[in-house]
């Protein structure tokens, strides 16, 4: 299943990803944000279990913000599963 998530409080404007029947993450992409870092996150999370990624990424902060693109991705995953 394909998902599109509009993050809040970060530079990225949109997060796109797929979840397979085993709730594994595929094809993650971010619109906007820190291009190099977000490409790296997309590669690192490929094929990983959504629940495991939520536990790793939830609460990760970016600088002075109370969230981050990784934290917002965990929120997107929480909504999807």
PDB file of N, CA and C in Angstrom:
ATOM      1  N   UNK A   1       0.846  -1.167   0.000  1.00  0.00           N
ATOM      2  CA  UNK A   1       0.000   0.000   0.000  1.00  0.00           C
ATOM      3  C   UNK A   1       0.896   1.236   0.000  1.00  0.00           C
ATOM      4  N   UNK A   2       0.525   2.232  -0.770  1.00  0.00           N
ATOM      5  CA  UNK A   2       1.291   3.473  -0.869  1.00  0.00           C
ATOM      6  C   UNK A   2       0.714   4.517   0.077  1.00  0.00           C
ATOM      7  N   UNK A   3       1.585   5.303   0.697  1.00  0.00           N
ATOM      8  CA  UNK A   3       1.174   6.349   1.627  1.00  0.00           C
ATOM      9  C   UNK A   3       1.884   7.656   1.294  1.00  0.00           C
ATOM     10  N   UNK A   4       1.175   8.755   1.494  1.00  0.00           N
ATOM     11  CA  UNK A   4       1.719  10.104   1.386  1.00  0.00           C
ATOM     12  C   UNK A   4       1.387  10.805   2.699  1.00  0.00           C
ATOM     13  N   UNK A   5       2.389  11.419   3.300  1.00  0.00           N
ATOM     14  CA  UNK A   5       2.203  12.053   4.607  1.00  0.00           C
ATOM     15  C   UNK A   5       2.751  13.465   4.562  1.00  0.00           C
ATOM     16  N   UNK A   6       1.956  14.432   5.026  1.00  0.00           N
ATOM     17  CA  UNK A   6       2.396  15.823   5.094  1.00  0.00           C
ATOM     18  C   UNK A   6       2.958  16.083   6.492  1.00  0.00           C
ATOM     19  N   UNK A   7       4.282  16.201   6.604  1.00  0.00           N
ATOM     20  CA  UNK A   7       4.906  16.403   7.914  1.00  0.00           C
ATOM     21  C   UNK A   7       4.665  17.814   8.447  1.00  0.00           C
ATOM     22  N   UNK A   8       4.805  17.958   9.751  1.00  0.00           N
ATOM     23  CA  UNK A   8       4.608  19.250  10.417  1.00  0.00           C
ATOM     24  C   UNK A   8       5.880  19.649  11.151  1.00  0.00           C
ATOM     25  N   UNK A   9       6.254  20.936  11.040  1.00  0.00           N
ATOM     26  CA  UNK A   9       7.367  21.471  11.806  1.00  0.00           C
ATOM     27  C   UNK A   9       8.755  21.162  11.271  1.00  0.00           C
ATOM     28  N   UNK A  10       8.829  20.694  10.011  1.00  0.00           N
ATOM     29  CA  UNK A  10      10.127  20.381   9.406  1.00  0.00           C
ATOM     30  C   UNK A  10      10.220  20.997   8.012  1.00  0.00           C
ATOM     31  N   UNK A  11      11.396  20.939   7.433  1.00  0.00           N
ATOM     32  CA  UNK A  11      11.613  21.508   6.102  1.00  0.00           C
ATOM     33  C   UNK A  11      10.995  20.658   4.988  1.00  0.00           C
ATOM     34  N   UNK A  12      10.958  19.355   5.187  1.00  0.00           N
ATOM     35  CA  UNK A  12      10.365  18.481   4.170  1.00  0.00           C
ATOM     36  C   UNK A  12       8.874  18.801   4.035  1.00  0.00           C
ATOM     37  N   UNK A  13       8.394  18.809   2.795  1.00  0.00           N
ATOM     38  CA  UNK A  13       6.999  19.140   2.522  1.00  0.00           C
ATOM     39  C   UNK A  13       6.100  17.912   2.442  1.00  0.00           C
ATOM     40  N   UNK A  14       6.679  16.758   2.131  1.00  0.00           N
ATOM     41  CA  UNK A  14       5.892  15.545   1.960  1.00  0.00           C
ATOM     42  C   UNK A  14       6.803  14.333   2.118  1.00  0.00           C
ATOM     43  N   UNK A  15       6.226  13.241   2.652  1.00  0.00           N
ATOM     44  CA  UNK A  15       6.930  11.975   2.769  1.00  0.00           C
ATOM     45  C   UNK A  15       6.096  10.929   2.045  1.00  0.00           C
ATOM     46  N   UNK A  16       6.744  10.176   1.157  1.00  0.00           N
ATOM     47  CA  UNK A  16       6.076   9.114   0.401  1.00  0.00           C
ATOM     48  C   UNK A  16       6.730   7.784   0.773  1.00  0.00           C
ATOM     49  N   UNK A  17       5.925   6.737   0.914  1.00  0.00           N
ATOM     50  CA  UNK A  17       6.474   5.414   1.206  1.00  0.00           C
ATOM     51  C   UNK A  17       5.434   4.347   0.920  1.00  0.00           C
ATOM     52  N   UNK A  18       5.911   3.114   0.837  1.00  0.00           N
ATOM     53  CA  UNK A  18       5.057   1.948   0.662  1.00  0.00           C
ATOM     54  C   UNK A  18       5.260   1.014   1.845  1.00  0.00           C
ATOM     55  N   UNK A  19       4.192   0.306   2.209  1.00  0.00           N
ATOM     56  CA  UNK A  19       4.264  -0.771   3.189  1.00  0.00           C
ATOM     57  C   UNK A  19       3.771  -2.037   2.516  1.00  0.00           C
ATOM     58  N   UNK A  20       4.532  -3.124   2.649  1.00  0.00           N
ATOM     59  CA  UNK A  20       4.082  -4.392   2.068  1.00  0.00           C
ATOM     60  C   UNK A  20       3.184  -5.133   3.056  1.00  0.00           C
ATOM     61  N   UNK A  21       2.764  -6.322   2.694  1.00  0.00           N
ATOM     62  CA  UNK A  21       1.829  -7.096   3.513  1.00  0.00           C
ATOM     63  C   UNK A  21       2.416  -7.507   4.863  1.00  0.00           C
ATOM     64  N   UNK A  22       3.736  -7.447   5.003  1.00  0.00           N
ATOM     65  CA  UNK A  22       4.412  -7.760   6.265  1.00  0.00           C
ATOM     66  C   UNK A  22       4.809  -6.510   7.041  1.00  0.00           C
ATOM     67  N   UNK A  23       4.267  -5.369   6.622  1.00  0.00           N
ATOM     68  CA  UNK A  23       4.548  -4.059   7.218  1.00  0.00           C
ATOM     69  C   UNK A  23       6.030  -3.699   7.161  1.00  0.00           C
ATOM     70  N   UNK A  24       6.635  -4.070   6.058  1.00  0.00           N
ATOM     71  CA  UNK A  24       8.009  -3.646   5.782  1.00  0.00           C
ATOM     72  C   UNK A  24       7.968  -2.434   4.862  1.00  0.00           C
ATOM     73  N   UNK A  25       8.904  -1.523   5.081  1.00  0.00           N
ATOM     74  CA  UNK A  25       8.931  -0.227   4.406  1.00  0.00           C
ATOM     75  C   UNK A  25       9.713  -0.312   3.098  1.00  0.00           C
ATOM     76  N   UNK A  26       9.175   0.338   2.064  1.00  0.00           N
ATOM     77  CA  UNK A  26       9.825   0.385   0.755  1.00  0.00           C
ATOM     78  C   UNK A  26       9.600   1.749   0.108  1.00  0.00           C
ATOM     79  N   UNK A  27      10.501   2.099  -0.797  1.00  0.00           N
ATOM     80  CA  UNK A  27      10.349   3.268  -1.681  1.00  0.00           C
ATOM     81  C   UNK A  27      10.109   4.574  -0.938  1.00  0.00           C
ATOM     82  N   UNK A  28      10.869   4.821   0.118  1.00  0.00           N
ATOM     83  CA  UNK A  28      10.711   6.056   0.891  1.00  0.00           C
ATOM     84  C   UNK A  28      11.340   7.215   0.125  1.00  0.00           C
ATOM     85  N   UNK A  29      10.618   8.321   0.051  1.00  0.00           N
ATOM     86  CA  UNK A  29      11.179   9.543  -0.529  1.00  0.00           C
ATOM     87  C   UNK A  29      10.587  10.745   0.193  1.00  0.00           C
ATOM     88  N   UNK A  30      11.380  11.788   0.267  1.00  0.00           N
ATOM     89  CA  UNK A  30      10.990  13.034   0.919  1.00  0.00           C
ATOM     90  C   UNK A  30      11.017  14.145  -0.117  1.00  0.00           C
ATOM     91  N   UNK A  31      10.055  15.056  -0.054  1.00  0.00           N
ATOM     92  CA  UNK A  31      10.076  16.270  -0.873  1.00  0.00           C
ATOM     93  C   UNK A  31      10.564  17.395   0.020  1.00  0.00           C
ATOM     94  N   UNK A  32      11.621  18.084  -0.411  1.00  0.00           N
ATOM     95  CA  UNK A  32      12.198  19.148   0.391  1.00  0.00           C
ATOM     96  C   UNK A  32      13.094  18.573   1.473  1.00  0.00           C
ATOM     97  N   UNK A  33      13.534  19.424   2.378  1.00  0.00           N
ATOM     98  CA  UNK A  33      14.400  18.989   3.471  1.00  0.00           C
ATOM     99  C   UNK A  33      15.853  18.880   3.051  1.00  0.00           C
ATOM    100  N   UNK A  34      16.647  18.277   3.890  1.00  0.00           N
ATOM    101  CA  UNK A  34      18.088  18.104   3.655  1.00  0.00           C
ATOM    102  C   UNK A  34      18.303  16.911   2.725  1.00  0.00           C
ATOM    103  N   UNK A  35      18.488  17.188   1.483  1.00  0.00           N
ATOM    104  CA  UNK A  35      18.497  16.181   0.426  1.00  0.00           C
ATOM    105  C   UNK A  35      19.401  14.990   0.713  1.00  0.00           C
ATOM    106  N   UNK A  36      20.640  15.227   1.040  1.00  0.00           N
ATOM    107  CA  UNK A  36      21.587  14.129   1.272  1.00  0.00           C
ATOM    108  C   UNK A  36      21.202  13.270   2.460  1.00  0.00           C
ATOM    109  N   UNK A  37      20.854  13.904   3.571  1.00  0.00           N
ATOM    110  CA  UNK A  37      20.469  13.149   4.766  1.00  0.00           C
ATOM    111  C   UNK A  37      19.206  12.333   4.529  1.00  0.00           C
ATOM    112  N   UNK A  38      18.239  12.909   3.848  1.00  0.00           N
ATOM    113  CA  UNK A  38      16.974  12.212   3.638  1.00  0.00           C
ATOM    114  C   UNK A  38      17.113  11.079   2.630  1.00  0.00           C
ATOM    115  N   UNK A  39      18.017  11.234   1.667  1.00  0.00           N
ATOM    116  CA  UNK A  39      18.312  10.115   0.761  1.00  0.00           C
ATOM    117  C   UNK A  39      18.945   8.968   1.542  1.00  0.00           C
ATOM    118  N   UNK A  40      19.819   9.305   2.479  1.00  0.00           N
ATOM    119  CA  UNK A  40      20.468   8.277   3.301  1.00  0.00           C
ATOM    120  C   UNK A  40      19.437   7.560   4.168  1.00  0.00           C
ATOM    121  N   UNK A  41      18.531   8.314   4.795  1.00  0.00           N
ATOM    122  CA  UNK A  41      17.480   7.683   5.600  1.00  0.00           C
ATOM    123  C   UNK A  41      16.670   6.735   4.731  1.00  0.00           C
ATOM    124  N   UNK A  42      16.315   7.170   3.537  1.00  0.00           N
ATOM    125  CA  UNK A  42      15.517   6.340   2.630  1.00  0.00           C
ATOM    126  C   UNK A  42      16.222   5.019   2.328  1.00  0.00           C
ATOM    127  N   UNK A  43      17.518   5.058   2.122  1.00  0.00           N
ATOM    128  CA  UNK A  43      18.279   3.832   1.858  1.00  0.00           C
ATOM    129  C   UNK A  43      18.372   2.949   3.103  1.00  0.00           C
ATOM    130  N   UNK A  44      18.581   3.560   4.254  1.00  0.00           N
ATOM    131  CA  UNK A  44      18.754   2.801   5.493  1.00  0.00           C
ATOM    132  C   UNK A  44      17.478   2.094   5.950  1.00  0.00           C
ATOM    133  N   UNK A  45      16.333   2.682   5.664  1.00  0.00           N
ATOM    134  CA  UNK A  45      15.077   2.093   6.140  1.00  0.00           C
ATOM    135  C   UNK A  45      14.477   1.088   5.166  1.00  0.00           C
ATOM    136  N   UNK A  46      14.992   1.006   3.960  1.00  0.00           N
ATOM    137  CA  UNK A  46      14.439   0.105   2.935  1.00  0.00           C
ATOM    138  C   UNK A  46      14.379  -1.334   3.453  1.00  0.00           C
ATOM    139  N   UNK A  47      13.177  -1.911   3.412  1.00  0.00           N
ATOM    140  CA  UNK A  47      12.979  -3.299   3.802  1.00  0.00           C
ATOM    141  C   UNK A  47      12.841  -3.547   5.294  1.00  0.00           C
ATOM    142  N   UNK A  48      12.952  -2.496   6.100  1.00  0.00           N
ATOM    143  CA  UNK A  48      12.868  -2.650   7.552  1.00  0.00           C
ATOM    144  C   UNK A  48      11.407  -2.716   8.008  1.00  0.00           C
ATOM    145  N   UNK A  49      11.179  -3.339   9.168  1.00  0.00           N
ATOM    146  CA  UNK A  49       9.838  -3.421   9.737  1.00  0.00           C
ATOM    147  C   UNK A  49       9.411  -2.060  10.280  1.00  0.00           C
ATOM    148  N   UNK A  50       8.192  -1.662   9.964  1.00  0.00           N
ATOM    149  CA  UNK A  50       7.680  -0.362  10.380  1.00  0.00           C
ATOM    150  C   UNK A  50       7.745  -0.175  11.893  1.00  0.00           C
ATOM    151  N   UNK A  51       7.319  -1.174  12.663  1.00  0.00           N
ATOM    152  CA  UNK A  51       7.315  -1.045  14.128  1.00  0.00           C
ATOM    153  C   UNK A  51       8.717  -0.826  14.679  1.00  0.00           C
ATOM    154  N   UNK A  52       9.700  -1.499  14.116  1.00  0.00           N
ATOM    155  CA  UNK A  52      11.084  -1.316  14.553  1.00  0.00           C
ATOM    156  C   UNK A  52      11.562   0.099  14.236  1.00  0.00           C
ATOM    157  N   UNK A  53      11.232   0.597  13.055  1.00  0.00           N
ATOM    158  CA  UNK A  53      11.638   1.954  12.676  1.00  0.00           C
ATOM    159  C   UNK A  53      10.984   2.997  13.565  1.00  0.00           C
ATOM    160  N   UNK A  54       9.725   2.786  13.927  1.00  0.00           N
ATOM    161  CA  UNK A  54       9.048   3.727  14.821  1.00  0.00           C
ATOM    162  C   UNK A  54       9.802   3.822  16.136  1.00  0.00           C
ATOM    163  N   UNK A  55      10.199   2.692  16.690  1.00  0.00           N
ATOM    164  CA  UNK A  55      10.900   2.704  17.978  1.00  0.00           C
ATOM    165  C   UNK A  55      12.267   3.384  17.882  1.00  0.00           C
ATOM    166  N   UNK A  56      12.891   3.323  16.728  1.00  0.00           N
ATOM    167  CA  UNK A  56      14.205   3.943  16.533  1.00  0.00           C
ATOM    168  C   UNK A  56      14.086   5.442  16.262  1.00  0.00           C
ATOM    169  N   UNK A  57      13.140   5.844  15.412  1.00  0.00           N
ATOM    170  CA  UNK A  57      13.071   7.219  14.916  1.00  0.00           C
ATOM    171  C   UNK A  57      12.214   8.158  15.765  1.00  0.00           C
ATOM    172  N   UNK A  58      11.268   7.621  16.516  1.00  0.00           N
ATOM    173  CA  UNK A  58      10.355   8.447  17.296  1.00  0.00           C
ATOM    174  C   UNK A  58      11.111   9.291  18.317  1.00  0.00           C
ATOM    175  N   UNK A  59      10.839  10.582  18.321  1.00  0.00           N
ATOM    176  CA  UNK A  59      11.470  11.486  19.281  1.00  0.00           C
ATOM    177  C   UNK A  59      12.797  12.064  18.853  1.00  0.00           C
ATOM    178  N   UNK A  60      13.297  11.678  17.681  1.00  0.00           N
ATOM    179  CA  UNK A  60      14.547  12.237  17.169  1.00  0.00           C
ATOM    180  C   UNK A  60      14.326  13.718  16.851  1.00  0.00           C
ATOM    181  N   UNK A  61      15.213  14.583  17.316  1.00  0.00           N
ATOM    182  CA  UNK A  61      15.041  16.031  17.124  1.00  0.00           C
ATOM    183  C   UNK A  61      16.064  16.599  16.145  1.00  0.00           C
ATOM    184  N   UNK A  62      15.692  17.711  15.528  1.00  0.00           N
ATOM    185  CA  UNK A  62      16.565  18.418  14.591  1.00  0.00           C
ATOM    186  C   UNK A  62      16.861  19.805  15.149  1.00  0.00           C
ATOM    187  N   UNK A  63      18.091  20.023  15.573  1.00  0.00           N
ATOM    188  CA  UNK A  63      18.487  21.328  16.091  1.00  0.00           C
ATOM    189  C   UNK A  63      17.582  21.803  17.208  1.00  0.00           C
ATOM    190  N   UNK A  64      17.037  23.003  17.065  1.00  0.00           N
ATOM    191  CA  UNK A  64      16.182  23.609  18.086  1.00  0.00           C
ATOM    192  C   UNK A  64      14.709  23.216  17.940  1.00  0.00           C
ATOM    193  N   UNK A  65      14.381  22.447  16.914  1.00  0.00           N
ATOM    194  CA  UNK A  65      12.997  22.043  16.677  1.00  0.00           C
ATOM    195  C   UNK A  65      12.602  20.917  17.636  1.00  0.00           C
ATOM    196  N   UNK A  66      11.303  20.780  17.879  1.00  0.00           N
ATOM    197  CA  UNK A  66      10.840  19.698  18.744  1.00  0.00           C
ATOM    198  C   UNK A  66      10.456  18.456  17.948  1.00  0.00           C
ATOM    199  N   UNK A  67      10.943  18.370  16.710  1.00  0.00           N
ATOM    200  CA  UNK A  67      10.716  17.234  15.832  1.00  0.00           C
ATOM    201  C   UNK A  67      11.845  17.178  14.810  1.00  0.00           C
ATOM    202  N   UNK A  68      11.760  16.269  13.879  1.00  0.00           N
ATOM    203  CA  UNK A  68      12.719  16.163  12.779  1.00  0.00           C
ATOM    204  C   UNK A  68      12.033  15.411  11.651  1.00  0.00           C
ATOM    205  N   UNK A  69      12.669  15.338  10.504  1.00  0.00           N
ATOM    206  CA  UNK A  69      12.106  14.560   9.397  1.00  0.00           C
ATOM    207  C   UNK A  69      12.006  13.083   9.780  1.00  0.00           C
ATOM    208  N   UNK A  70      12.990  12.569  10.491  1.00  0.00           N
ATOM    209  CA  UNK A  70      12.952  11.176  10.937  1.00  0.00           C
ATOM    210  C   UNK A  70      11.799  10.970  11.922  1.00  0.00           C
ATOM    211  N   UNK A  71      11.615  11.891  12.854  1.00  0.00           N
ATOM    212  CA  UNK A  71      10.508  11.816  13.807  1.00  0.00           C
ATOM    213  C   UNK A  71       9.176  11.882  13.066  1.00  0.00           C
ATOM    214  N   UNK A  72       9.062  12.753  12.088  1.00  0.00           N
ATOM    215  CA  UNK A  72       7.833  12.858  11.313  1.00  0.00           C
ATOM    216  C   UNK A  72       7.581  11.588  10.501  1.00  0.00           C
ATOM    217  N   UNK A  73       8.645  10.963  10.020  1.00  0.00           N
ATOM    218  CA  UNK A  73       8.475   9.696   9.317  1.00  0.00           C
ATOM    219  C   UNK A  73       7.921   8.643  10.276  1.00  0.00           C
ATOM    220  N   UNK A  74       8.384   8.656  11.530  1.00  0.00           N
ATOM    221  CA  UNK A  74       7.843   7.706  12.506  1.00  0.00           C
ATOM    222  C   UNK A  74       6.356   7.972  12.737  1.00  0.00           C
ATOM    223  N   UNK A  75       5.946   9.236  12.732  1.00  0.00           N
ATOM    224  CA  UNK A  75       4.526   9.578  12.880  1.00  0.00           C
ATOM    225  C   UNK A  75       3.734   9.056  11.679  1.00  0.00           C
ATOM    226  N   UNK A  76       4.305   9.187  10.490  1.00  0.00           N
ATOM    227  CA  UNK A  76       3.643   8.677   9.284  1.00  0.00           C
ATOM    228  C   UNK A  76       3.464   7.169   9.365  1.00  0.00           C
ATOM    229  N   UNK A  77       4.490   6.475   9.833  1.00  0.00           N
ATOM    230  CA  UNK A  77       4.400   5.020   9.972  1.00  0.00           C
ATOM    231  C   UNK A  77       3.357   4.622  11.006  1.00  0.00           C
ATOM    232  N   UNK A  78       3.306   5.371  12.106  1.00  0.00           N
ATOM    233  CA  UNK A  78       2.322   5.074  13.149  1.00  0.00           C
ATOM    234  C   UNK A  78       0.900   5.186  12.590  1.00  0.00           C
ATOM    235  N   UNK A  79       0.652   6.174  11.751  1.00  0.00           N
ATOM    236  CA  UNK A  79      -0.672   6.333  11.136  1.00  0.00           C
ATOM    237  C   UNK A  79      -0.970   5.205  10.155  1.00  0.00           C
ATOM    238  N   UNK A  80       0.059   4.738   9.484  1.00  0.00           N
ATOM    239  CA  UNK A  80      -0.135   3.741   8.420  1.00  0.00           C
ATOM    240  C   UNK A  80      -0.399   2.324   8.935  1.00  0.00           C
ATOM    241  N   UNK A  81       0.171   1.994  10.096  1.00  0.00           N
ATOM    242  CA  UNK A  81       0.010   0.601  10.565  1.00  0.00           C
ATOM    243  C   UNK A  81      -1.170   0.431  11.508  1.00  0.00           C
TER     244      UNK A  81
END
